């Protein structure tokens, strides 16, 4: 089982990178986001690897972080999601953005990934909502509030403030982050008008 590759980039293809490890070249299939970030031919690279062993093939999938690899496996626990679709999702959203979208029940954000239709997006946000907090990465601080918004149990002032900011053209994730910061500054008892004002201040920074 291969868990990590440390070597030199030999070649970058449309959906893979060829990694030279002491003269042995490994093909690692990656998301387009990973391929755009790993560097160029001749540069050093470290990839976390998920190894697929089938009767007729051995396939490696490469990731920039352990968290990205975790999401690759978590996504495939949902019916209708295989390796190709999981990579497409991770090409469209970072692990933190994915956790946010699932917490907020934002099916539209996930549907932007090629091959992900409304039914699969619905299954993803429904079946994985309890896993989002543990794999939120840098988004962990506000994930609880986003889950409350996604499940429709957030307080009225918070829900109204987020709705107001999204109506102004901000994404639901941006609005939720701004209102989370506003709650810290304005206090838990702040009304929607105060939260909107503080949220806009956060967004203007």
N, C-alpha and C. Protein backbone atom coordinates (compact mmCIF):
# COMPACT_ATOMS: atom_id res chain seq x y z
N UNK A 1 0.85 -1.20 0.00
CA UNK A 1 0.00 0.00 0.00
C UNK A 1 0.88 1.24 0.00
N UNK A 2 0.65 2.13 -0.94
CA UNK A 2 1.42 3.38 -1.02
C UNK A 2 0.63 4.48 -0.34
N UNK A 3 1.22 5.14 0.65
CA UNK A 3 0.54 6.20 1.39
C UNK A 3 0.99 7.60 1.03
N UNK A 4 2.23 7.73 0.54
CA UNK A 4 2.76 9.05 0.21
C UNK A 4 3.86 8.89 -0.83
N UNK A 5 3.93 9.86 -1.73
CA UNK A 5 5.02 9.89 -2.70
C UNK A 5 5.82 11.17 -2.53
N UNK A 6 7.13 11.04 -2.42
CA UNK A 6 8.03 12.19 -2.40
C UNK A 6 8.99 12.02 -3.57
N UNK A 7 8.94 12.95 -4.50
CA UNK A 7 9.81 12.82 -5.66
C UNK A 7 9.85 14.08 -6.48
N UNK A 8 10.06 13.90 -7.76
CA UNK A 8 10.17 15.02 -8.69
C UNK A 8 9.11 14.88 -9.78
N UNK A 9 8.51 15.98 -10.15
CA UNK A 9 7.49 15.95 -11.20
C UNK A 9 8.17 15.66 -12.54
N UNK A 10 7.74 14.59 -13.19
CA UNK A 10 8.27 14.24 -14.50
C UNK A 10 7.38 14.78 -15.61
N UNK A 11 6.07 14.70 -15.38
CA UNK A 11 5.11 15.13 -16.40
C UNK A 11 3.78 15.40 -15.74
N UNK A 12 3.05 16.39 -16.27
CA UNK A 12 1.70 16.68 -15.79
C UNK A 12 0.73 16.53 -16.96
N UNK A 13 -0.27 15.65 -16.80
CA UNK A 13 -1.27 15.45 -17.84
C UNK A 13 -2.57 16.14 -17.48
N UNK A 14 -3.63 15.82 -18.22
CA UNK A 14 -4.93 16.45 -17.98
C UNK A 14 -5.51 16.07 -16.62
N UNK A 15 -5.28 14.83 -16.19
CA UNK A 15 -5.86 14.40 -14.92
C UNK A 15 -4.87 13.61 -14.07
N UNK A 16 -3.60 13.74 -14.38
CA UNK A 16 -2.61 12.97 -13.62
C UNK A 16 -1.27 13.71 -13.58
N UNK A 17 -0.43 13.25 -12.66
CA UNK A 17 0.96 13.71 -12.61
C UNK A 17 1.85 12.47 -12.56
N UNK A 18 2.95 12.53 -13.24
CA UNK A 18 3.93 11.46 -13.23
C UNK A 18 5.04 11.87 -12.26
N UNK A 19 5.19 11.12 -11.18
CA UNK A 19 6.16 11.46 -10.14
C UNK A 19 7.34 10.50 -10.20
N UNK A 20 8.52 11.05 -10.36
CA UNK A 20 9.76 10.27 -10.41
C UNK A 20 10.31 10.13 -9.00
N UNK A 21 10.30 8.91 -8.50
CA UNK A 21 10.85 8.62 -7.17
C UNK A 21 12.08 7.73 -7.36
N UNK A 22 13.24 8.35 -7.33
CA UNK A 22 14.50 7.63 -7.50
C UNK A 22 14.50 6.76 -8.76
N UNK A 23 14.01 7.32 -9.86
CA UNK A 23 14.05 6.62 -11.13
C UNK A 23 12.84 5.78 -11.46
N UNK A 24 11.96 5.58 -10.47
CA UNK A 24 10.70 4.85 -10.72
C UNK A 24 9.58 5.89 -10.82
N UNK A 25 8.85 5.89 -11.94
CA UNK A 25 7.80 6.89 -12.16
C UNK A 25 6.42 6.32 -11.83
N UNK A 26 5.69 7.05 -11.00
CA UNK A 26 4.35 6.66 -10.59
C UNK A 26 3.32 7.60 -11.21
N UNK A 27 2.23 7.05 -11.71
CA UNK A 27 1.13 7.86 -12.22
C UNK A 27 0.13 8.06 -11.09
N UNK A 28 -0.09 9.32 -10.71
CA UNK A 28 -1.06 9.64 -9.66
C UNK A 28 -2.16 10.52 -10.26
N UNK A 29 -3.38 10.05 -10.20
CA UNK A 29 -4.52 10.82 -10.71
C UNK A 29 -4.92 11.85 -9.65
N UNK A 30 -5.12 13.08 -10.10
CA UNK A 30 -5.35 14.19 -9.16
C UNK A 30 -6.52 15.06 -9.62
N UNK A 31 -7.04 15.85 -8.69
CA UNK A 31 -8.04 16.86 -9.06
C UNK A 31 -7.34 17.96 -9.85
N UNK A 32 -8.11 18.69 -10.64
CA UNK A 32 -7.52 19.79 -11.42
C UNK A 32 -6.97 20.86 -10.49
N UNK A 33 -7.57 21.02 -9.32
CA UNK A 33 -7.08 22.00 -8.35
C UNK A 33 -5.68 21.61 -7.86
N UNK A 34 -5.48 20.34 -7.58
CA UNK A 34 -4.17 19.85 -7.14
C UNK A 34 -3.14 20.01 -8.26
N UNK A 35 -3.51 19.63 -9.48
CA UNK A 35 -2.57 19.73 -10.61
C UNK A 35 -2.14 21.16 -10.86
N UNK A 36 -3.02 22.12 -10.58
CA UNK A 36 -2.68 23.53 -10.82
C UNK A 36 -1.77 24.09 -9.73
N UNK A 37 -1.64 23.37 -8.61
CA UNK A 37 -0.88 23.89 -7.47
C UNK A 37 0.44 23.19 -7.22
N UNK A 38 0.65 22.03 -7.85
CA UNK A 38 1.82 21.23 -7.43
C UNK A 38 3.14 21.71 -8.01
N UNK A 39 3.10 22.56 -9.03
CA UNK A 39 4.35 23.05 -9.60
C UNK A 39 4.52 22.58 -11.04
N UNK A 40 5.77 22.57 -11.49
CA UNK A 40 6.08 22.23 -12.88
C UNK A 40 7.06 21.07 -12.95
N UNK A 41 7.25 20.55 -14.16
CA UNK A 41 8.19 19.45 -14.38
C UNK A 41 9.57 19.80 -13.85
N UNK A 42 10.18 18.86 -13.13
CA UNK A 42 11.50 19.08 -12.57
C UNK A 42 11.48 19.55 -11.13
N UNK A 43 10.31 19.96 -10.63
CA UNK A 43 10.21 20.45 -9.25
C UNK A 43 9.86 19.32 -8.29
N UNK A 44 10.26 19.49 -7.04
CA UNK A 44 9.96 18.50 -6.01
C UNK A 44 8.48 18.53 -5.68
N UNK A 45 7.94 17.38 -5.33
CA UNK A 45 6.52 17.30 -4.99
C UNK A 45 6.31 16.23 -3.91
N UNK A 46 5.31 16.48 -3.07
CA UNK A 46 4.88 15.50 -2.07
C UNK A 46 3.38 15.32 -2.24
N UNK A 47 2.95 14.09 -2.44
CA UNK A 47 1.53 13.80 -2.59
C UNK A 47 1.11 12.71 -1.61
N UNK A 48 -0.03 12.93 -0.97
CA UNK A 48 -0.64 11.89 -0.14
C UNK A 48 -1.45 11.00 -1.08
N UNK A 49 -1.28 9.70 -0.94
CA UNK A 49 -1.80 8.76 -1.93
C UNK A 49 -2.91 7.88 -1.38
N UNK A 50 -3.93 7.69 -2.19
CA UNK A 50 -4.95 6.68 -1.95
C UNK A 50 -4.76 5.62 -3.03
N UNK A 51 -4.54 4.38 -2.62
CA UNK A 51 -4.26 3.30 -3.57
C UNK A 51 -5.52 2.46 -3.81
N UNK A 52 -5.89 2.34 -5.07
CA UNK A 52 -7.01 1.49 -5.44
C UNK A 52 -6.48 0.22 -6.08
N UNK A 53 -6.84 -0.91 -5.53
CA UNK A 53 -6.42 -2.19 -6.09
C UNK A 53 -7.67 -2.93 -6.57
N UNK A 54 -7.70 -3.21 -7.85
CA UNK A 54 -8.79 -3.97 -8.44
C UNK A 54 -8.21 -5.22 -9.10
N UNK A 55 -9.07 -6.11 -9.53
CA UNK A 55 -8.60 -7.35 -10.15
C UNK A 55 -7.73 -7.07 -11.38
N UNK A 56 -8.13 -6.03 -12.12
CA UNK A 56 -7.44 -5.77 -13.38
C UNK A 56 -6.57 -4.52 -13.38
N UNK A 57 -6.46 -3.84 -12.25
CA UNK A 57 -5.65 -2.62 -12.25
C UNK A 57 -5.25 -2.18 -10.84
N UNK A 58 -4.19 -1.41 -10.79
CA UNK A 58 -3.76 -0.74 -9.56
C UNK A 58 -3.67 0.75 -9.91
N UNK A 59 -4.41 1.56 -9.19
CA UNK A 59 -4.50 2.98 -9.54
C UNK A 59 -4.19 3.84 -8.32
N UNK A 60 -3.41 4.89 -8.53
CA UNK A 60 -3.04 5.80 -7.45
C UNK A 60 -3.75 7.14 -7.64
N UNK A 61 -4.25 7.69 -6.54
CA UNK A 61 -4.85 9.01 -6.54
C UNK A 61 -4.03 9.89 -5.60
N UNK A 62 -3.65 11.08 -6.07
CA UNK A 62 -2.77 11.94 -5.29
C UNK A 62 -3.44 13.20 -4.78
N UNK A 63 -3.05 13.63 -3.56
CA UNK A 63 -3.67 14.78 -2.92
C UNK A 63 -2.62 15.65 -2.23
N UNK A 64 -2.91 16.93 -2.16
CA UNK A 64 -1.97 17.87 -1.54
C UNK A 64 -1.99 17.77 -0.01
N UNK A 65 -3.09 17.28 0.55
CA UNK A 65 -3.21 17.21 2.01
C UNK A 65 -3.94 15.94 2.42
N UNK A 66 -3.76 15.56 3.66
CA UNK A 66 -4.48 14.41 4.21
C UNK A 66 -5.98 14.70 4.24
N UNK A 67 -6.35 15.95 4.51
CA UNK A 67 -7.76 16.33 4.56
C UNK A 67 -8.43 16.13 3.21
N UNK A 68 -7.74 16.49 2.14
CA UNK A 68 -8.30 16.31 0.80
C UNK A 68 -8.49 14.81 0.51
N UNK A 69 -7.52 14.02 0.93
CA UNK A 69 -7.64 12.57 0.74
C UNK A 69 -8.81 12.01 1.55
N UNK A 70 -8.99 12.51 2.76
CA UNK A 70 -10.12 12.06 3.59
C UNK A 70 -11.45 12.33 2.89
N UNK A 71 -11.58 13.54 2.32
CA UNK A 71 -12.83 13.89 1.64
C UNK A 71 -13.04 13.03 0.40
N UNK A 72 -11.97 12.69 -0.28
CA UNK A 72 -12.07 11.81 -1.44
C UNK A 72 -12.76 10.50 -1.06
N UNK A 73 -12.38 9.95 0.07
CA UNK A 73 -12.98 8.70 0.54
C UNK A 73 -14.39 8.91 1.10
N UNK A 74 -14.59 9.99 1.83
CA UNK A 74 -15.91 10.28 2.41
C UNK A 74 -16.95 10.48 1.30
N UNK A 75 -16.59 11.20 0.27
CA UNK A 75 -17.52 11.46 -0.83
C UNK A 75 -17.99 10.15 -1.47
N UNK A 76 -17.09 9.20 -1.57
CA UNK A 76 -17.43 7.94 -2.23
C UNK A 76 -18.29 7.01 -1.37
N UNK A 77 -18.52 7.40 -0.13
CA UNK A 77 -19.42 6.62 0.72
C UNK A 77 -20.88 6.87 0.35
N UNK A 78 -21.11 7.88 -0.49
CA UNK A 78 -22.45 8.25 -0.92
C UNK A 78 -22.78 7.54 -2.24
N UNK A 79 -23.97 6.97 -2.31
CA UNK A 79 -24.38 6.26 -3.51
C UNK A 79 -24.32 7.17 -4.74
N UNK A 80 -23.75 6.65 -5.81
CA UNK A 80 -23.67 7.40 -7.05
C UNK A 80 -22.40 8.21 -7.20
N UNK A 81 -21.54 8.16 -6.20
CA UNK A 81 -20.28 8.92 -6.23
C UNK A 81 -19.12 7.95 -6.28
N UNK A 82 -18.40 7.95 -7.40
CA UNK A 82 -17.19 7.15 -7.54
C UNK A 82 -15.97 8.05 -7.53
N UNK A 83 -14.84 7.47 -7.87
CA UNK A 83 -13.59 8.24 -7.83
C UNK A 83 -13.62 9.44 -8.77
N UNK A 84 -14.18 9.25 -9.96
CA UNK A 84 -14.22 10.33 -10.95
C UNK A 84 -15.03 11.52 -10.45
N UNK A 85 -16.20 11.25 -9.90
CA UNK A 85 -17.05 12.33 -9.40
C UNK A 85 -16.43 12.98 -8.16
N UNK A 86 -15.83 12.16 -7.29
CA UNK A 86 -15.17 12.70 -6.09
C UNK A 86 -14.06 13.67 -6.47
N UNK A 87 -13.27 13.31 -7.48
CA UNK A 87 -12.21 14.21 -7.95
C UNK A 87 -12.80 15.47 -8.56
N UNK A 88 -13.92 15.33 -9.26
CA UNK A 88 -14.57 16.50 -9.86
C UNK A 88 -15.04 17.48 -8.78
N UNK A 89 -15.58 16.93 -7.69
CA UNK A 89 -16.01 17.79 -6.57
C UNK A 89 -14.81 18.50 -5.96
N UNK A 90 -13.71 17.76 -5.77
CA UNK A 90 -12.52 18.36 -5.17
C UNK A 90 -11.79 19.27 -6.14
N UNK A 91 -12.10 19.17 -7.42
CA UNK A 91 -11.55 20.12 -8.40
C UNK A 91 -12.30 21.44 -8.31
N UNK A 92 -13.57 21.38 -7.87
CA UNK A 92 -14.44 22.55 -7.82
C UNK A 92 -14.38 23.25 -6.47
N UNK A 93 -14.27 22.47 -5.39
CA UNK A 93 -14.30 23.02 -4.04
C UNK A 93 -13.11 22.52 -3.23
N UNK A 94 -12.53 23.41 -2.42
CA UNK A 94 -11.50 22.98 -1.49
C UNK A 94 -12.17 22.17 -0.38
N UNK A 95 -11.42 21.40 0.40
CA UNK A 95 -12.04 20.66 1.50
C UNK A 95 -12.86 21.55 2.44
N UNK A 96 -12.35 22.73 2.75
CA UNK A 96 -13.09 23.64 3.64
C UNK A 96 -14.35 24.16 2.98
N UNK A 97 -14.26 24.50 1.69
CA UNK A 97 -15.45 24.97 0.96
C UNK A 97 -16.49 23.86 0.87
N UNK A 98 -16.03 22.64 0.70
CA UNK A 98 -16.94 21.50 0.64
C UNK A 98 -17.64 21.29 1.97
N UNK A 99 -16.88 21.37 3.06
CA UNK A 99 -17.49 21.23 4.40
C UNK A 99 -18.52 22.33 4.63
N UNK A 100 -18.20 23.56 4.22
CA UNK A 100 -19.14 24.67 4.36
C UNK A 100 -20.41 24.43 3.56
N UNK A 101 -20.25 23.98 2.30
CA UNK A 101 -21.40 23.75 1.44
C UNK A 101 -22.31 22.67 2.02
N UNK A 102 -21.72 21.63 2.57
CA UNK A 102 -22.51 20.55 3.16
C UNK A 102 -23.22 21.05 4.42
N UNK A 103 -22.51 21.79 5.25
CA UNK A 103 -23.12 22.32 6.48
C UNK A 103 -24.28 23.25 6.16
N UNK A 104 -24.11 24.08 5.13
CA UNK A 104 -25.15 25.03 4.75
C UNK A 104 -26.24 24.40 3.88
N UNK A 105 -26.07 23.09 3.57
CA UNK A 105 -27.02 22.41 2.67
C UNK A 105 -27.08 23.13 1.32
N UNK A 106 -25.93 23.60 0.87
CA UNK A 106 -25.84 24.38 -0.37
C UNK A 106 -25.64 23.43 -1.56
N UNK A 107 -26.76 22.91 -2.04
CA UNK A 107 -26.71 21.95 -3.15
C UNK A 107 -26.18 22.60 -4.44
N UNK A 108 -26.47 23.88 -4.63
CA UNK A 108 -26.05 24.57 -5.85
C UNK A 108 -24.53 24.62 -5.96
N UNK A 109 -23.86 24.86 -4.82
CA UNK A 109 -22.39 24.94 -4.83
C UNK A 109 -21.78 23.61 -5.24
N UNK A 110 -22.34 22.51 -4.73
CA UNK A 110 -21.81 21.19 -5.05
C UNK A 110 -22.17 20.79 -6.47
N UNK A 111 -23.33 21.24 -6.95
CA UNK A 111 -23.76 20.91 -8.31
C UNK A 111 -22.89 21.57 -9.38
N UNK A 112 -22.04 22.51 -8.98
CA UNK A 112 -21.13 23.12 -9.97
C UNK A 112 -20.08 22.13 -10.45
N UNK A 113 -19.86 21.07 -9.69
CA UNK A 113 -18.87 20.07 -10.09
C UNK A 113 -19.39 19.26 -11.27
N UNK A 114 -18.57 19.04 -12.29
CA UNK A 114 -18.99 18.25 -13.45
C UNK A 114 -19.42 16.85 -13.03
N UNK A 115 -20.56 16.42 -13.54
CA UNK A 115 -21.05 15.07 -13.24
C UNK A 115 -21.89 14.97 -11.99
N UNK A 116 -22.08 16.09 -11.29
CA UNK A 116 -22.90 16.09 -10.07
C UNK A 116 -24.24 16.76 -10.37
N UNK A 117 -25.27 15.94 -10.46
CA UNK A 117 -26.61 16.47 -10.69
C UNK A 117 -27.32 16.79 -9.39
N UNK A 118 -28.53 17.33 -9.47
CA UNK A 118 -29.29 17.71 -8.27
C UNK A 118 -29.50 16.56 -7.28
N UNK A 119 -29.77 15.35 -7.80
CA UNK A 119 -30.03 14.22 -6.90
C UNK A 119 -28.79 13.82 -6.12
N UNK A 120 -27.64 13.78 -6.80
CA UNK A 120 -26.39 13.43 -6.12
C UNK A 120 -26.02 14.53 -5.12
N UNK A 121 -26.18 15.79 -5.52
CA UNK A 121 -25.87 16.91 -4.62
C UNK A 121 -26.73 16.84 -3.36
N UNK A 122 -28.01 16.49 -3.53
CA UNK A 122 -28.90 16.36 -2.38
C UNK A 122 -28.44 15.25 -1.46
N UNK A 123 -28.05 14.11 -2.05
CA UNK A 123 -27.57 13.00 -1.23
C UNK A 123 -26.30 13.39 -0.48
N UNK A 124 -25.42 14.12 -1.14
CA UNK A 124 -24.17 14.53 -0.49
C UNK A 124 -24.43 15.42 0.73
N UNK A 125 -25.25 16.45 0.57
CA UNK A 125 -25.47 17.36 1.69
C UNK A 125 -26.29 16.70 2.80
N UNK A 126 -27.13 15.75 2.43
CA UNK A 126 -27.97 15.08 3.42
C UNK A 126 -27.19 14.02 4.20
N UNK A 127 -26.47 13.17 3.48
CA UNK A 127 -25.79 12.04 4.12
C UNK A 127 -24.49 12.42 4.82
N UNK A 128 -23.88 13.54 4.40
CA UNK A 128 -22.57 13.88 4.96
C UNK A 128 -22.63 15.04 5.95
N UNK A 129 -23.82 15.53 6.27
CA UNK A 129 -23.91 16.71 7.12
C UNK A 129 -23.29 16.50 8.50
N UNK A 130 -23.35 15.29 9.02
CA UNK A 130 -22.78 15.03 10.34
C UNK A 130 -21.26 14.88 10.32
N UNK A 131 -20.70 14.73 9.12
CA UNK A 131 -19.25 14.57 9.01
C UNK A 131 -18.54 15.89 8.74
N UNK A 132 -19.29 16.89 8.33
CA UNK A 132 -18.67 18.17 7.97
C UNK A 132 -17.83 18.79 9.11
N UNK A 133 -18.31 18.81 10.36
CA UNK A 133 -17.52 19.44 11.42
C UNK A 133 -16.15 18.81 11.63
N UNK A 134 -16.09 17.49 11.55
CA UNK A 134 -14.82 16.79 11.83
C UNK A 134 -13.80 16.97 10.71
N UNK A 135 -14.27 17.33 9.52
CA UNK A 135 -13.36 17.46 8.38
C UNK A 135 -13.46 18.84 7.75
N UNK A 136 -13.70 19.86 8.58
CA UNK A 136 -13.89 21.22 8.07
C UNK A 136 -12.57 21.96 7.86
N UNK A 137 -11.50 21.46 8.47
CA UNK A 137 -10.20 22.14 8.31
C UNK A 137 -10.24 23.57 8.82
N UNK A 138 -9.80 24.50 7.99
CA UNK A 138 -9.73 25.90 8.41
C UNK A 138 -11.11 26.53 8.58
N UNK A 139 -12.16 25.84 8.14
CA UNK A 139 -13.52 26.36 8.27
C UNK A 139 -14.19 25.92 9.58
N UNK A 140 -13.45 25.21 10.42
CA UNK A 140 -14.05 24.60 11.61
C UNK A 140 -14.68 25.61 12.57
N UNK A 141 -14.12 26.81 12.65
CA UNK A 141 -14.58 27.79 13.64
C UNK A 141 -16.06 28.14 13.48
N UNK A 142 -16.55 28.24 12.24
CA UNK A 142 -17.93 28.68 12.00
C UNK A 142 -18.84 27.56 11.52
N UNK A 143 -18.36 26.34 11.54
CA UNK A 143 -19.14 25.25 10.94
C UNK A 143 -20.43 24.97 11.71
N UNK A 144 -20.41 25.17 13.03
CA UNK A 144 -21.61 24.93 13.83
C UNK A 144 -22.74 25.86 13.45
N UNK A 145 -22.43 27.14 13.29
CA UNK A 145 -23.43 28.12 12.88
C UNK A 145 -23.98 27.77 11.50
N UNK A 146 -23.10 27.35 10.61
CA UNK A 146 -23.54 27.01 9.25
C UNK A 146 -24.44 25.79 9.24
N UNK A 147 -24.17 24.85 10.13
CA UNK A 147 -25.07 23.69 10.24
C UNK A 147 -26.45 24.12 10.71
N UNK A 148 -26.48 25.04 11.66
CA UNK A 148 -27.77 25.54 12.15
C UNK A 148 -28.54 26.23 11.03
N UNK A 149 -27.82 26.99 10.22
CA UNK A 149 -28.46 27.66 9.08
C UNK A 149 -28.96 26.63 8.06
N UNK A 150 -28.12 25.63 7.79
CA UNK A 150 -28.48 24.61 6.83
C UNK A 150 -29.69 23.79 7.24
N UNK A 151 -29.81 23.55 8.55
CA UNK A 151 -30.91 22.74 9.06
C UNK A 151 -32.13 23.59 9.43
N UNK A 152 -31.99 24.91 9.28
CA UNK A 152 -33.12 25.80 9.55
C UNK A 152 -33.42 26.01 11.01
N UNK A 153 -32.41 25.82 11.88
CA UNK A 153 -32.65 25.97 13.31
C UNK A 153 -31.88 27.15 13.91
N UNK A 154 -31.27 27.97 13.06
CA UNK A 154 -30.56 29.16 13.56
C UNK A 154 -31.58 30.15 14.11
N UNK A 155 -31.13 31.00 15.02
CA UNK A 155 -32.04 32.01 15.58
C UNK A 155 -32.55 32.93 14.48
N UNK A 156 -33.72 33.53 14.71
CA UNK A 156 -34.33 34.40 13.70
C UNK A 156 -33.43 35.57 13.30
N UNK A 157 -32.79 36.28 14.26
CA UNK A 157 -31.91 37.38 13.86
C UNK A 157 -30.75 36.93 12.97
N UNK A 158 -30.17 35.77 13.29
CA UNK A 158 -29.05 35.25 12.49
C UNK A 158 -29.53 34.86 11.09
N UNK A 159 -30.63 34.12 11.04
CA UNK A 159 -31.16 33.70 9.74
C UNK A 159 -31.55 34.90 8.89
N UNK A 160 -32.18 35.90 9.50
CA UNK A 160 -32.60 37.10 8.75
C UNK A 160 -31.40 37.88 8.25
N UNK A 161 -30.37 37.98 9.09
CA UNK A 161 -29.18 38.73 8.71
C UNK A 161 -28.45 38.05 7.55
N UNK A 162 -28.32 36.74 7.63
CA UNK A 162 -27.67 36.00 6.54
C UNK A 162 -28.48 36.14 5.25
N UNK A 163 -29.79 36.03 5.37
CA UNK A 163 -30.66 36.18 4.20
C UNK A 163 -30.51 37.57 3.58
N UNK A 164 -30.43 38.59 4.43
CA UNK A 164 -30.27 39.96 3.92
C UNK A 164 -28.97 40.13 3.15
N UNK A 165 -27.89 39.56 3.67
CA UNK A 165 -26.60 39.69 2.99
C UNK A 165 -26.57 38.91 1.68
N UNK A 166 -27.22 37.75 1.66
CA UNK A 166 -27.26 36.99 0.40
C UNK A 166 -28.10 37.73 -0.64
N UNK A 167 -29.13 38.41 -0.19
CA UNK A 167 -29.94 39.21 -1.11
C UNK A 167 -29.16 40.38 -1.70
N UNK A 168 -28.10 40.78 -1.01
CA UNK A 168 -27.23 41.86 -1.52
C UNK A 168 -26.19 41.33 -2.50
N UNK A 169 -26.18 40.02 -2.70
CA UNK A 169 -25.28 39.44 -3.70
C UNK A 169 -24.11 38.64 -3.14
N UNK A 170 -23.99 38.56 -1.82
CA UNK A 170 -22.92 37.76 -1.22
C UNK A 170 -23.33 36.28 -1.22
N UNK A 171 -22.35 35.39 -1.30
CA UNK A 171 -22.67 33.96 -1.23
C UNK A 171 -23.13 33.63 0.18
N UNK A 172 -23.81 32.50 0.33
CA UNK A 172 -24.31 32.11 1.64
C UNK A 172 -23.14 31.87 2.60
N UNK A 173 -22.04 31.35 2.06
CA UNK A 173 -20.86 31.10 2.88
C UNK A 173 -20.26 32.42 3.36
N UNK A 174 -20.11 33.38 2.45
CA UNK A 174 -19.58 34.70 2.84
C UNK A 174 -20.48 35.34 3.89
N UNK A 175 -21.77 35.26 3.66
CA UNK A 175 -22.72 35.88 4.60
C UNK A 175 -22.65 35.22 5.97
N UNK A 176 -22.57 33.89 5.98
CA UNK A 176 -22.50 33.17 7.25
C UNK A 176 -21.23 33.51 8.02
N UNK A 177 -20.10 33.59 7.31
CA UNK A 177 -18.84 33.96 7.97
C UNK A 177 -18.92 35.37 8.56
N UNK A 178 -19.52 36.28 7.80
CA UNK A 178 -19.63 37.67 8.26
C UNK A 178 -20.52 37.76 9.50
N UNK A 179 -21.62 37.03 9.49
CA UNK A 179 -22.53 37.08 10.63
C UNK A 179 -21.93 36.36 11.84
N UNK A 180 -21.14 35.33 11.61
CA UNK A 180 -20.44 34.67 12.73
C UNK A 180 -19.51 35.65 13.42
N UNK A 181 -18.79 36.44 12.61
CA UNK A 181 -17.91 37.47 13.18
C UNK A 181 -18.73 38.55 13.86
N UNK A 182 -19.87 38.89 13.28
CA UNK A 182 -20.73 39.92 13.87
C UNK A 182 -21.26 39.48 15.22
N UNK A 183 -21.56 38.20 15.36
CA UNK A 183 -22.04 37.69 16.65
C UNK A 183 -21.00 37.84 17.75
N UNK A 184 -19.73 37.64 17.38
CA UNK A 184 -18.65 37.79 18.35
C UNK A 184 -18.52 39.24 18.80
N UNK A 185 -18.71 40.15 17.85
CA UNK A 185 -18.56 41.58 18.16
C UNK A 185 -19.82 42.18 18.77
N UNK A 186 -20.97 41.70 18.31
CA UNK A 186 -22.23 42.31 18.74
C UNK A 186 -22.91 41.60 19.88
N UNK A 187 -22.47 40.38 20.17
CA UNK A 187 -23.08 39.62 21.26
C UNK A 187 -24.21 38.75 20.78
N UNK A 188 -24.49 37.71 21.52
CA UNK A 188 -25.52 36.73 21.12
C UNK A 188 -26.92 37.35 21.07
N UNK A 189 -27.13 38.44 21.82
CA UNK A 189 -28.47 39.04 21.86
C UNK A 189 -28.71 40.10 20.81
N UNK A 190 -27.77 40.30 19.90
CA UNK A 190 -27.91 41.35 18.88
C UNK A 190 -29.08 41.05 17.95
N UNK A 191 -29.81 42.12 17.57
CA UNK A 191 -30.92 41.91 16.64
C UNK A 191 -30.40 41.86 15.20
N UNK A 192 -31.29 41.56 14.26
CA UNK A 192 -30.88 41.36 12.88
C UNK A 192 -30.27 42.63 12.28
N UNK A 193 -30.83 43.80 12.62
CA UNK A 193 -30.32 45.05 12.06
C UNK A 193 -28.87 45.28 12.47
N UNK A 194 -28.57 45.01 13.74
CA UNK A 194 -27.20 45.18 14.21
C UNK A 194 -26.27 44.18 13.56
N UNK A 195 -26.75 42.94 13.43
CA UNK A 195 -25.92 41.90 12.81
C UNK A 195 -25.64 42.23 11.34
N UNK A 196 -26.64 42.74 10.65
CA UNK A 196 -26.44 43.12 9.24
C UNK A 196 -25.40 44.22 9.15
N UNK A 197 -25.52 45.21 10.01
CA UNK A 197 -24.57 46.34 9.99
C UNK A 197 -23.15 45.86 10.27
N UNK A 198 -23.00 45.03 11.30
CA UNK A 198 -21.67 44.52 11.63
C UNK A 198 -21.16 43.55 10.56
N UNK A 199 -22.09 42.79 9.98
CA UNK A 199 -21.70 41.86 8.92
C UNK A 199 -21.18 42.59 7.70
N UNK A 200 -21.85 43.66 7.33
CA UNK A 200 -21.39 44.46 6.18
C UNK A 200 -20.02 45.08 6.44
N UNK A 201 -19.80 45.45 7.71
CA UNK A 201 -18.51 46.00 8.08
C UNK A 201 -17.42 44.95 7.89
N UNK A 202 -17.74 43.71 8.29
CA UNK A 202 -16.77 42.60 8.11
C UNK A 202 -16.48 42.37 6.62
N UNK A 203 -17.50 42.41 5.82
CA UNK A 203 -17.36 42.13 4.40
C UNK A 203 -16.63 43.24 3.65
N UNK A 204 -16.61 44.42 4.23
CA UNK A 204 -15.93 45.57 3.55
C UNK A 204 -14.45 45.62 3.85
N UNK A 205 -13.99 44.75 4.75
CA UNK A 205 -12.57 44.76 5.14
C UNK A 205 -11.69 44.17 4.04
